[in-house]
């Protein structure tokens, strides 16, 4: 299963380095032909970044789940992009993590990813 990420400030890129996964840095024009998990950030007042929205629309058939990074200082807007993508494409929000994640987030991600691959939930 592919892991596609979008990082604006570097937080998600740092998270990717911590999980030691061969993730692909996404862009609006990237086309994916196999199941993938999306990791994205939230922008503005809880919006999905425009390039992520375009990417999702172009690859919705292979999107299996979404993860979002955010800042809990934003309260109910924290990681809201994951909820929006989940609703729009009927995929699960697998997790949310703050900024670049902590050790708990890394372990949680590894378990989620391992479970999805093992159980072929894609």
N, C-alpha and C. Protein backbone atom coordinates (compact mmCIF):
# COMPACT_ATOMS: atom_id res chain seq x y z
N UNK A 1 0.85 -1.17 0.00
CA UNK A 1 0.00 0.00 0.00
C UNK A 1 0.90 1.23 0.00
N UNK A 2 0.57 2.15 -0.89
CA UNK A 2 1.34 3.38 -1.00
C UNK A 2 0.97 4.34 0.14
N UNK A 3 1.89 5.20 0.45
CA UNK A 3 1.66 6.28 1.41
C UNK A 3 2.03 7.57 0.69
N UNK A 4 1.05 8.43 0.50
CA UNK A 4 1.25 9.70 -0.20
C UNK A 4 1.07 10.82 0.83
N UNK A 5 2.01 11.75 0.84
CA UNK A 5 1.91 12.84 1.80
C UNK A 5 2.08 14.21 1.15
N UNK A 6 1.47 15.18 1.79
CA UNK A 6 1.60 16.59 1.42
C UNK A 6 2.07 17.33 2.67
N UNK A 7 3.13 18.12 2.53
CA UNK A 7 3.68 18.84 3.67
C UNK A 7 3.95 20.28 3.27
N UNK A 8 3.41 21.20 4.04
CA UNK A 8 3.60 22.63 3.74
C UNK A 8 4.73 23.22 4.58
N UNK A 9 4.70 22.97 5.88
CA UNK A 9 5.68 23.59 6.78
C UNK A 9 6.82 22.64 7.15
N UNK A 10 6.74 21.39 6.72
CA UNK A 10 7.77 20.41 7.04
C UNK A 10 7.38 19.45 8.15
N UNK A 11 6.27 19.72 8.85
CA UNK A 11 5.86 18.83 9.94
C UNK A 11 5.58 17.41 9.45
N UNK A 12 4.86 17.29 8.38
CA UNK A 12 4.53 15.96 7.88
C UNK A 12 5.77 15.28 7.31
N UNK A 13 6.62 16.03 6.68
CA UNK A 13 7.87 15.44 6.17
C UNK A 13 8.70 14.89 7.33
N UNK A 14 8.74 15.61 8.45
CA UNK A 14 9.46 15.10 9.63
C UNK A 14 8.78 13.84 10.17
N UNK A 15 7.46 13.81 10.16
CA UNK A 15 6.73 12.62 10.59
C UNK A 15 7.10 11.43 9.71
N UNK A 16 7.13 11.63 8.41
CA UNK A 16 7.47 10.57 7.46
C UNK A 16 8.86 10.02 7.76
N UNK A 17 9.81 10.89 8.04
CA UNK A 17 11.17 10.44 8.35
C UNK A 17 11.19 9.61 9.63
N UNK A 18 10.33 9.93 10.58
CA UNK A 18 10.28 9.17 11.83
C UNK A 18 9.71 7.77 11.64
N UNK A 19 8.78 7.62 10.70
CA UNK A 19 8.17 6.30 10.50
C UNK A 19 8.98 5.42 9.55
N UNK A 20 10.01 5.99 8.95
CA UNK A 20 10.90 5.22 8.07
C UNK A 20 10.12 4.45 7.01
N UNK A 21 9.27 5.15 6.31
CA UNK A 21 8.44 4.55 5.27
C UNK A 21 8.82 5.18 3.93
N UNK A 22 8.74 4.41 2.89
CA UNK A 22 9.04 4.92 1.55
C UNK A 22 7.84 5.67 0.99
N UNK A 23 7.49 6.74 1.63
CA UNK A 23 6.34 7.53 1.23
C UNK A 23 6.67 8.39 0.02
N UNK A 24 5.63 8.77 -0.69
CA UNK A 24 5.77 9.59 -1.88
C UNK A 24 5.23 10.98 -1.58
N UNK A 25 6.03 11.98 -1.90
CA UNK A 25 5.60 13.36 -1.75
C UNK A 25 4.61 13.67 -2.87
N UNK A 26 3.41 14.08 -2.50
CA UNK A 26 2.36 14.30 -3.49
C UNK A 26 2.35 15.68 -4.09
N UNK A 27 1.66 15.77 -5.21
CA UNK A 27 1.36 17.05 -5.84
C UNK A 27 0.03 16.89 -6.57
N UNK A 28 -0.55 17.97 -6.97
CA UNK A 28 -1.89 17.94 -7.57
C UNK A 28 -1.95 17.08 -8.82
N UNK A 29 -0.86 16.96 -9.56
CA UNK A 29 -0.85 16.24 -10.83
C UNK A 29 -0.48 14.76 -10.71
N UNK A 30 -0.09 14.32 -9.52
CA UNK A 30 0.31 12.93 -9.33
C UNK A 30 -0.87 11.99 -9.54
N UNK A 31 -0.67 10.95 -10.35
CA UNK A 31 -1.69 9.93 -10.55
C UNK A 31 -1.20 8.64 -9.93
N UNK A 32 -2.06 8.00 -9.13
CA UNK A 32 -1.71 6.79 -8.41
C UNK A 32 -2.57 5.66 -8.95
N UNK A 33 -1.96 4.49 -9.19
CA UNK A 33 -2.72 3.37 -9.74
C UNK A 33 -2.76 2.16 -8.81
N UNK A 34 -2.63 2.44 -7.51
CA UNK A 34 -2.75 1.38 -6.51
C UNK A 34 -3.27 1.99 -5.22
N UNK A 35 -3.79 1.18 -4.31
CA UNK A 35 -4.34 1.71 -3.06
C UNK A 35 -3.31 2.52 -2.27
N UNK A 36 -3.79 3.60 -1.65
CA UNK A 36 -2.89 4.45 -0.88
C UNK A 36 -3.61 5.06 0.32
N UNK A 37 -2.78 5.44 1.28
CA UNK A 37 -3.20 6.23 2.43
C UNK A 37 -2.66 7.63 2.21
N UNK A 38 -3.47 8.62 2.51
CA UNK A 38 -3.09 10.02 2.35
C UNK A 38 -2.78 10.62 3.71
N UNK A 39 -1.65 11.33 3.80
CA UNK A 39 -1.34 12.14 4.98
C UNK A 39 -1.28 13.59 4.51
N UNK A 40 -2.07 14.43 5.15
CA UNK A 40 -2.16 15.82 4.73
C UNK A 40 -2.17 16.76 5.93
N UNK A 41 -2.05 18.01 5.63
CA UNK A 41 -2.17 19.06 6.64
C UNK A 41 -3.52 19.75 6.45
N UNK A 42 -3.88 20.58 7.38
CA UNK A 42 -5.09 21.39 7.28
C UNK A 42 -4.64 22.84 7.10
N UNK A 43 -5.33 23.56 6.27
CA UNK A 43 -4.95 24.93 6.00
C UNK A 43 -6.08 25.88 6.34
N UNK A 44 -5.74 27.17 6.43
CA UNK A 44 -6.76 28.19 6.68
C UNK A 44 -7.56 27.90 7.93
N UNK A 45 -8.86 27.99 7.79
CA UNK A 45 -9.77 27.75 8.91
C UNK A 45 -10.39 26.35 8.80
N UNK A 46 -9.52 25.35 8.70
CA UNK A 46 -9.98 23.97 8.65
C UNK A 46 -10.22 23.44 7.25
N UNK A 47 -9.61 24.04 6.25
CA UNK A 47 -9.84 23.61 4.88
C UNK A 47 -8.82 22.57 4.42
N UNK A 48 -9.24 21.83 3.39
CA UNK A 48 -8.34 20.92 2.69
C UNK A 48 -7.50 21.78 1.75
N UNK A 49 -6.19 21.62 1.73
CA UNK A 49 -5.37 22.39 0.79
C UNK A 49 -5.83 22.12 -0.66
N UNK A 50 -5.80 23.15 -1.50
CA UNK A 50 -6.31 23.04 -2.87
C UNK A 50 -5.61 21.91 -3.64
N UNK A 51 -4.29 21.80 -3.52
CA UNK A 51 -3.59 20.76 -4.27
C UNK A 51 -3.96 19.37 -3.77
N UNK A 52 -4.26 19.23 -2.50
CA UNK A 52 -4.69 17.95 -1.94
C UNK A 52 -6.09 17.61 -2.45
N UNK A 53 -6.95 18.59 -2.51
CA UNK A 53 -8.31 18.38 -3.02
C UNK A 53 -8.26 17.91 -4.48
N UNK A 54 -7.44 18.55 -5.29
CA UNK A 54 -7.29 18.15 -6.70
C UNK A 54 -6.73 16.75 -6.79
N UNK A 55 -5.69 16.46 -6.00
CA UNK A 55 -5.09 15.14 -5.99
C UNK A 55 -6.12 14.07 -5.62
N UNK A 56 -6.89 14.31 -4.59
CA UNK A 56 -7.90 13.35 -4.15
C UNK A 56 -8.94 13.12 -5.23
N UNK A 57 -9.39 14.17 -5.86
CA UNK A 57 -10.39 14.04 -6.92
C UNK A 57 -9.85 13.19 -8.07
N UNK A 58 -8.59 13.37 -8.40
CA UNK A 58 -7.98 12.63 -9.51
C UNK A 58 -7.66 11.18 -9.15
N UNK A 59 -7.60 10.86 -7.86
CA UNK A 59 -7.17 9.53 -7.42
C UNK A 59 -8.15 8.87 -6.46
N UNK A 60 -9.37 9.33 -6.43
CA UNK A 60 -10.33 8.88 -5.43
C UNK A 60 -10.60 7.38 -5.45
N UNK A 61 -10.41 6.74 -6.56
CA UNK A 61 -10.66 5.31 -6.66
C UNK A 61 -9.69 4.45 -5.87
N UNK A 62 -8.55 5.01 -5.53
CA UNK A 62 -7.52 4.25 -4.81
C UNK A 62 -7.29 4.76 -3.38
N UNK A 63 -7.99 5.81 -2.99
CA UNK A 63 -7.85 6.38 -1.64
C UNK A 63 -8.51 5.45 -0.62
N UNK A 64 -7.73 4.96 0.35
CA UNK A 64 -8.23 3.99 1.32
C UNK A 64 -8.41 4.56 2.72
N UNK A 65 -7.77 5.68 3.01
CA UNK A 65 -7.88 6.29 4.33
C UNK A 65 -7.08 7.56 4.36
N UNK A 66 -7.36 8.38 5.37
CA UNK A 66 -6.69 9.68 5.47
C UNK A 66 -6.21 9.92 6.89
N UNK A 67 -5.07 10.58 6.97
CA UNK A 67 -4.44 10.99 8.23
C UNK A 67 -4.14 12.47 8.10
N UNK A 68 -4.34 13.22 9.18
CA UNK A 68 -4.05 14.65 9.11
C UNK A 68 -3.19 15.09 10.28
N UNK A 69 -2.33 16.03 9.97
CA UNK A 69 -1.54 16.72 10.97
C UNK A 69 -2.24 18.04 11.26
N UNK A 70 -2.09 18.51 12.48
CA UNK A 70 -2.69 19.78 12.82
C UNK A 70 -2.09 20.32 14.10
N UNK A 71 -2.71 21.37 14.60
CA UNK A 71 -2.28 22.00 15.83
C UNK A 71 -3.51 22.09 16.73
N UNK A 72 -3.42 21.49 17.90
CA UNK A 72 -4.58 21.45 18.80
C UNK A 72 -5.00 22.83 19.29
N UNK A 73 -4.16 23.84 19.12
CA UNK A 73 -4.53 25.21 19.47
C UNK A 73 -5.73 25.69 18.64
N UNK A 74 -6.00 25.01 17.51
CA UNK A 74 -7.12 25.40 16.64
C UNK A 74 -8.43 24.76 17.09
N UNK A 75 -8.43 24.06 18.19
CA UNK A 75 -9.67 23.51 18.75
C UNK A 75 -10.39 22.59 17.80
N UNK A 76 -11.65 22.90 17.51
CA UNK A 76 -12.47 22.03 16.66
C UNK A 76 -11.99 21.99 15.21
N UNK A 77 -11.10 22.88 14.84
CA UNK A 77 -10.56 22.89 13.47
C UNK A 77 -9.33 21.99 13.34
N UNK A 78 -8.88 21.44 14.46
CA UNK A 78 -7.69 20.58 14.49
C UNK A 78 -7.85 19.39 13.54
N UNK A 79 -6.98 19.31 12.54
CA UNK A 79 -6.99 18.19 11.60
C UNK A 79 -8.29 18.04 10.82
N UNK A 80 -9.04 19.10 10.69
CA UNK A 80 -10.35 19.04 10.06
C UNK A 80 -10.29 18.57 8.60
N UNK A 81 -9.18 18.78 7.94
CA UNK A 81 -9.07 18.33 6.54
C UNK A 81 -9.32 16.83 6.43
N UNK A 82 -8.89 16.05 7.42
CA UNK A 82 -9.13 14.60 7.39
C UNK A 82 -10.62 14.30 7.42
N UNK A 83 -11.36 15.01 8.25
CA UNK A 83 -12.81 14.79 8.35
C UNK A 83 -13.51 15.16 7.04
N UNK A 84 -13.08 16.24 6.44
CA UNK A 84 -13.68 16.69 5.17
C UNK A 84 -13.42 15.66 4.07
N UNK A 85 -12.18 15.21 3.96
CA UNK A 85 -11.82 14.20 2.95
C UNK A 85 -12.57 12.90 3.23
N UNK A 86 -12.65 12.52 4.49
CA UNK A 86 -13.36 11.30 4.87
C UNK A 86 -14.82 11.35 4.42
N UNK A 87 -15.47 12.45 4.69
CA UNK A 87 -16.88 12.61 4.31
C UNK A 87 -17.06 12.63 2.79
N UNK A 88 -16.20 13.35 2.11
CA UNK A 88 -16.33 13.53 0.67
C UNK A 88 -16.09 12.22 -0.09
N UNK A 89 -15.11 11.43 0.36
CA UNK A 89 -14.72 10.22 -0.38
C UNK A 89 -15.08 8.92 0.33
N UNK A 90 -15.80 9.04 1.42
CA UNK A 90 -16.26 7.86 2.16
C UNK A 90 -15.11 6.91 2.53
N UNK A 91 -14.07 7.48 3.12
CA UNK A 91 -12.94 6.70 3.61
C UNK A 91 -12.75 7.03 5.08
N UNK A 92 -12.10 6.13 5.83
CA UNK A 92 -11.93 6.39 7.26
C UNK A 92 -10.83 7.41 7.56
N UNK A 93 -11.05 8.16 8.63
CA UNK A 93 -9.97 8.96 9.22
C UNK A 93 -9.20 7.96 10.08
N UNK A 94 -7.99 7.69 9.70
CA UNK A 94 -7.19 6.68 10.40
C UNK A 94 -6.58 7.22 11.68
N UNK A 95 -6.21 8.49 11.65
CA UNK A 95 -5.67 9.14 12.85
C UNK A 95 -5.40 10.60 12.55
N UNK A 96 -5.17 11.34 13.61
CA UNK A 96 -4.70 12.73 13.53
C UNK A 96 -3.52 12.84 14.48
N UNK A 97 -2.57 13.68 14.14
CA UNK A 97 -1.45 13.90 15.04
C UNK A 97 -1.09 15.38 15.04
N UNK A 98 -0.51 15.81 16.13
CA UNK A 98 -0.17 17.21 16.27
C UNK A 98 1.23 17.48 15.74
N UNK A 99 1.32 18.53 14.93
CA UNK A 99 2.57 19.01 14.35
C UNK A 99 3.31 17.89 13.64
N UNK A 100 4.49 17.46 14.11
CA UNK A 100 5.22 16.38 13.43
C UNK A 100 5.08 15.05 14.16
N UNK A 101 4.17 14.98 15.10
CA UNK A 101 3.91 13.73 15.80
C UNK A 101 4.90 13.45 16.92
N UNK A 102 4.48 12.58 17.83
CA UNK A 102 5.36 12.15 18.91
C UNK A 102 5.52 10.64 18.83
N UNK A 103 6.21 10.05 19.77
CA UNK A 103 6.49 8.62 19.73
C UNK A 103 5.20 7.81 19.74
N UNK A 104 4.19 8.25 20.49
CA UNK A 104 2.91 7.56 20.51
C UNK A 104 2.28 7.57 19.11
N UNK A 105 2.33 8.71 18.44
CA UNK A 105 1.76 8.82 17.09
C UNK A 105 2.48 7.90 16.11
N UNK A 106 3.78 7.81 16.24
CA UNK A 106 4.57 6.95 15.35
C UNK A 106 4.15 5.49 15.53
N UNK A 107 4.06 5.06 16.78
CA UNK A 107 3.66 3.68 17.06
C UNK A 107 2.23 3.41 16.59
N UNK A 108 1.35 4.36 16.81
CA UNK A 108 -0.04 4.22 16.38
C UNK A 108 -0.10 4.08 14.86
N UNK A 109 0.63 4.92 14.16
CA UNK A 109 0.65 4.85 12.70
C UNK A 109 1.14 3.47 12.24
N UNK A 110 2.24 3.01 12.82
CA UNK A 110 2.81 1.72 12.40
C UNK A 110 1.80 0.59 12.58
N UNK A 111 1.04 0.62 13.66
CA UNK A 111 0.03 -0.41 13.89
C UNK A 111 -1.11 -0.31 12.89
N UNK A 112 -1.55 0.89 12.61
CA UNK A 112 -2.62 1.10 11.63
C UNK A 112 -2.17 0.61 10.26
N UNK A 113 -1.00 1.02 9.85
CA UNK A 113 -0.48 0.66 8.53
C UNK A 113 -0.30 -0.85 8.42
N UNK A 114 0.30 -1.44 9.43
CA UNK A 114 0.52 -2.89 9.46
C UNK A 114 -0.82 -3.63 9.37
N UNK A 115 -1.81 -3.17 10.11
CA UNK A 115 -3.12 -3.79 10.09
C UNK A 115 -3.81 -3.69 8.75
N UNK A 116 -3.69 -2.56 8.09
CA UNK A 116 -4.32 -2.39 6.79
C UNK A 116 -3.69 -3.31 5.76
N UNK A 117 -2.37 -3.39 5.80
CA UNK A 117 -1.67 -4.25 4.84
C UNK A 117 -1.97 -5.71 5.14
N UNK A 118 -1.86 -6.10 6.40
CA UNK A 118 -2.07 -7.50 6.80
C UNK A 118 -3.49 -7.97 6.50
N UNK A 119 -4.46 -7.16 6.82
CA UNK A 119 -5.86 -7.55 6.64
C UNK A 119 -6.41 -7.22 5.26
N UNK A 120 -5.55 -6.68 4.42
CA UNK A 120 -5.94 -6.32 3.06
C UNK A 120 -7.23 -5.50 3.05
N UNK A 121 -7.21 -4.46 3.85
CA UNK A 121 -8.39 -3.58 3.94
C UNK A 121 -8.37 -2.53 2.84
N UNK A 122 -7.87 -2.90 1.70
CA UNK A 122 -7.81 -1.97 0.58
C UNK A 122 -8.32 -2.61 -0.67
